[in-house]
Amino acid sequence: MSELVAVRVDFSKDLAALFEKAGLKTPYAVGRAIDEVGNKTKTIVIRSVAKQAGVKYGKAKGVINARQAMGAGGGQYEIVARDVTLSLKEFGPRATKKGVSAAPWGKRRVFPHTFLGPNGHVFVRLGKARLPIKKLFGPNIPKEMVKDETEAAFFRASGEMLGPALEKWLLRQIG
């Protein structure tokens, strides 16, 4: 289930006159402005969540998609992240005597009693015996998107850019 987020925007100019002049072209201009700001905000969110989770930009970008206002979004721009918990193999694991060292959330630490298994995944034994074992995971991108610096970056970027983008697209429709 997705949560709806509303962004408050303060306009520097009185856009009522521009809305009035644009007339029937207003919905198109608003949709284009929302998509422009949404695409820029999505890029900022991906960069921020990648830094926050300690993962490469391409890996975060592969998990995050968007539905645009002018397309499948139906007038809304949605940034959607698949529910993916990243394996510790994505965070530069290295075998040490005490366990595997990896850097999720951008901080390297040793996971005691762990070992590298097939394809570079990190496992831990659940008891004294050889089996059973359990695979270890790092950050969950959707959870990281809605907290700390990434959340603040989303609200800051969308709030700052929407007013000027609306003005730009309304002026294009008038002129």
Protein backbone atom coordinates (compact mmCIF):
# COMPACT_ATOMS: atom_id res chain seq x y z
CA MET A 1 0.00 0.00 0.00
CA SER A 2 1.38 3.42 -0.87
CA GLU A 3 1.25 6.51 1.26
CA LEU A 4 0.26 9.84 -0.26
CA VAL A 5 2.53 12.77 0.41
CA ALA A 6 1.43 16.36 -0.08
CA VAL A 7 3.95 19.11 -0.67
CA ARG A 8 3.24 22.70 0.36
CA VAL A 9 4.43 25.26 -2.16
CA ASP A 10 4.75 29.01 -1.64
CA PHE A 11 4.65 30.95 -4.89
CA SER A 12 6.80 34.04 -5.26
CA LYS A 13 4.50 35.63 -7.85
CA ASP A 14 0.75 35.84 -8.21
CA LEU A 15 0.05 32.98 -10.60
CA ALA A 16 -3.70 33.56 -10.68
CA ALA A 17 -3.34 35.85 -13.70
CA LEU A 18 -1.22 33.27 -15.52
CA PHE A 19 -3.77 30.52 -14.78
CA GLU A 20 -6.50 32.78 -16.12
CA LYS A 21 -4.60 33.64 -19.32
CA ALA A 22 -3.68 30.00 -20.00
CA GLY A 23 -7.35 29.01 -19.84
CA LEU A 24 -7.92 25.48 -21.14
CA LYS A 25 -4.18 24.90 -21.49
CA THR A 26 -3.71 25.10 -17.72
CA PRO A 27 -4.03 21.34 -16.98
CA TYR A 28 -1.36 20.59 -19.59
CA ALA A 29 1.00 23.21 -18.12
CA VAL A 30 0.43 21.94 -14.57
CA GLY A 31 1.03 18.33 -15.63
CA ARG A 32 4.26 19.24 -17.42
CA ALA A 33 5.48 21.24 -14.42
CA ILE A 34 4.69 18.37 -12.05
CA ASP A 35 6.55 15.91 -14.28
CA GLU A 36 9.58 18.19 -14.63
CA VAL A 37 9.86 18.72 -10.88
CA GLY A 38 9.11 15.05 -10.21
CA ASN A 39 11.90 13.84 -12.49
CA LYS A 40 14.43 16.18 -10.90
CA THR A 41 13.25 15.27 -7.40
CA LYS A 42 13.45 11.55 -8.22
CA THR A 43 17.10 11.96 -9.23
CA ILE A 44 17.84 13.81 -5.98
CA VAL A 45 16.04 11.12 -3.96
CA ILE A 46 17.98 8.31 -5.69
CA ARG A 47 21.31 10.02 -5.04
CA SER A 48 20.42 10.70 -1.44
CA VAL A 49 19.11 7.21 -0.68
CA ALA A 50 22.18 5.66 -2.33
CA LYS A 51 24.47 7.70 -0.11
CA GLN A 52 22.35 7.07 2.98
CA ALA A 53 22.21 3.29 2.42
CA GLY A 54 25.84 3.05 1.32
CA VAL A 55 24.96 1.49 -2.05
CA LYS A 56 25.92 2.51 -5.58
CA TYR A 57 23.65 4.92 -7.49
CA GLY A 58 22.85 2.33 -10.19
CA LYS A 59 21.63 -0.22 -7.66
CA ALA A 60 19.30 2.32 -6.01
CA LYS A 61 18.09 3.52 -9.43
CA GLY A 62 17.18 -0.06 -10.38
CA VAL A 63 14.79 -0.28 -7.42
CA ILE A 64 13.10 3.14 -7.79
CA ASN A 65 10.60 3.94 -10.59
CA ALA A 66 8.15 6.75 -11.29
CA ARG A 67 4.63 7.17 -12.64
CA GLN A 68 4.35 10.54 -14.33
CA ALA A 69 1.40 12.91 -14.12
CA MET A 70 1.09 13.13 -17.92
CA GLY A 71 1.26 9.35 -18.28
CA ALA A 72 0.13 6.48 -16.08
CA GLY A 73 0.06 8.66 -12.94
CA GLY A 74 -3.34 10.15 -13.73
CA GLY A 75 -2.39 13.70 -12.76
CA GLN A 76 -0.08 12.69 -9.92
CA TYR A 77 3.66 12.07 -9.95
CA GLU A 78 4.54 9.00 -7.91
CA ILE A 79 8.00 7.83 -6.90
CA VAL A 80 7.72 4.11 -6.25
CA ALA A 81 10.34 1.78 -4.80
CA ARG A 82 10.09 -2.00 -5.04
CA ASP A 83 10.33 -3.74 -1.69
CA VAL A 84 13.92 -4.90 -2.02
CA THR A 85 16.21 -5.64 0.89
CA LEU A 86 19.74 -5.62 -0.43
CA SER A 87 22.06 -8.53 0.24
CA LEU A 88 25.27 -7.78 2.13
CA LYS A 89 27.15 -8.84 -1.01
CA GLU A 90 26.32 -5.37 -2.43
CA PHE A 91 28.44 -3.65 0.24
CA GLY A 92 31.98 -4.82 -0.53
CA PRO A 93 32.22 -7.88 1.73
CA ARG A 94 35.66 -9.15 2.73
CA ALA A 95 36.44 -12.28 4.71
CA THR A 96 38.42 -11.72 7.91
CA LYS A 97 39.41 -14.02 10.79
CA LYS A 98 36.57 -12.71 12.98
CA GLY A 99 33.89 -12.82 10.26
CA VAL A 100 32.89 -10.90 7.16
CA SER A 101 33.51 -7.16 6.94
CA ALA A 102 30.97 -5.16 4.92
CA ALA A 103 29.85 -1.52 4.68
CA PRO A 104 26.05 -1.19 4.75
CA TRP A 105 24.77 2.34 5.55
CA GLY A 106 28.21 3.62 4.52
CA LYS A 107 30.02 2.31 7.62
CA ARG A 108 32.32 -0.69 7.50
CA ARG A 109 31.87 -3.21 10.31
CA VAL A 110 32.60 -6.85 11.02
CA PHE A 111 29.73 -9.30 11.27
CA PRO A 112 30.98 -11.91 13.78
CA HIS A 113 30.74 -15.62 12.97
CA THR A 114 29.80 -15.01 9.33
CA PHE A 115 31.29 -16.39 6.13
CA LEU A 116 31.15 -15.79 2.40
CA GLY A 117 29.07 -18.33 0.51
CA PRO A 118 28.11 -18.92 -3.10
CA ASN A 119 28.04 -15.84 -5.38
CA GLY A 120 29.55 -13.67 -2.62
CA HIS A 121 26.53 -13.74 -0.31
CA VAL A 122 27.13 -13.46 3.44
CA PHE A 123 25.83 -16.23 5.72
CA VAL A 124 25.79 -16.93 9.46
CA ARG A 125 25.40 -20.28 11.20
CA LEU A 126 22.37 -20.52 13.47
CA GLY A 127 23.92 -22.99 15.89
CA LYS A 128 27.10 -24.92 16.65
CA ALA A 129 26.44 -27.42 13.87
CA ARG A 130 27.29 -26.94 10.21
CA LEU A 131 23.65 -26.38 9.29
CA PRO A 132 21.27 -24.49 9.39
CA ILE A 133 22.60 -21.23 7.99
CA LYS A 134 20.90 -17.89 7.29
CA LYS A 135 21.63 -15.25 4.65
CA LEU A 136 22.26 -11.72 5.97
CA PHE A 137 20.81 -8.57 4.43
CA GLY A 138 21.53 -4.84 4.56
CA PRO A 139 19.31 -1.77 4.07
CA ASN A 140 15.80 -1.81 2.61
CA ILE A 141 15.55 0.96 0.00
CA PRO A 142 11.83 1.81 0.50
CA LYS A 143 12.36 2.22 4.24
CA GLU A 144 15.45 4.34 3.68
CA MET A 145 13.55 6.62 1.26
CA VAL A 146 11.16 7.89 3.92
CA LYS A 147 13.57 8.79 6.68
CA ASP A 148 16.46 11.07 7.58
CA GLU A 149 18.25 13.08 4.88
CA THR A 150 16.42 11.50 1.92
CA GLU A 151 13.01 12.56 3.22
CA ALA A 152 14.28 16.08 3.89
CA ALA A 153 15.84 16.26 0.41
CA PHE A 154 12.51 15.25 -1.17
CA PHE A 155 10.50 17.98 0.56
CA ARG A 156 13.20 20.61 0.04
CA ALA A 157 13.63 19.91 -3.69
CA SER A 158 9.97 19.59 -4.58
CA GLY A 159 8.98 22.66 -2.60
CA GLU A 160 11.69 24.86 -4.14
CA MET A 161 11.24 23.81 -7.76
CA LEU A 162 7.45 23.55 -8.24
CA GLY A 163 6.64 27.30 -8.23
CA PRO A 164 9.21 28.29 -10.89
CA ALA A 165 8.33 25.26 -13.03
CA LEU A 166 4.62 26.13 -12.94
CA GLU A 167 5.38 29.70 -13.93
CA LYS A 168 7.63 28.53 -16.79
CA TRP A 169 5.07 26.10 -18.25
CA LEU A 170 2.17 28.56 -17.89
CA LEU A 171 4.17 31.25 -19.70
CA ARG A 172 4.95 28.78 -22.50
CA GLN A 173 1.24 28.11 -22.97
CA ILE A 174 0.39 31.81 -23.06
CA GLY A 175 3.19 32.92 -25.37
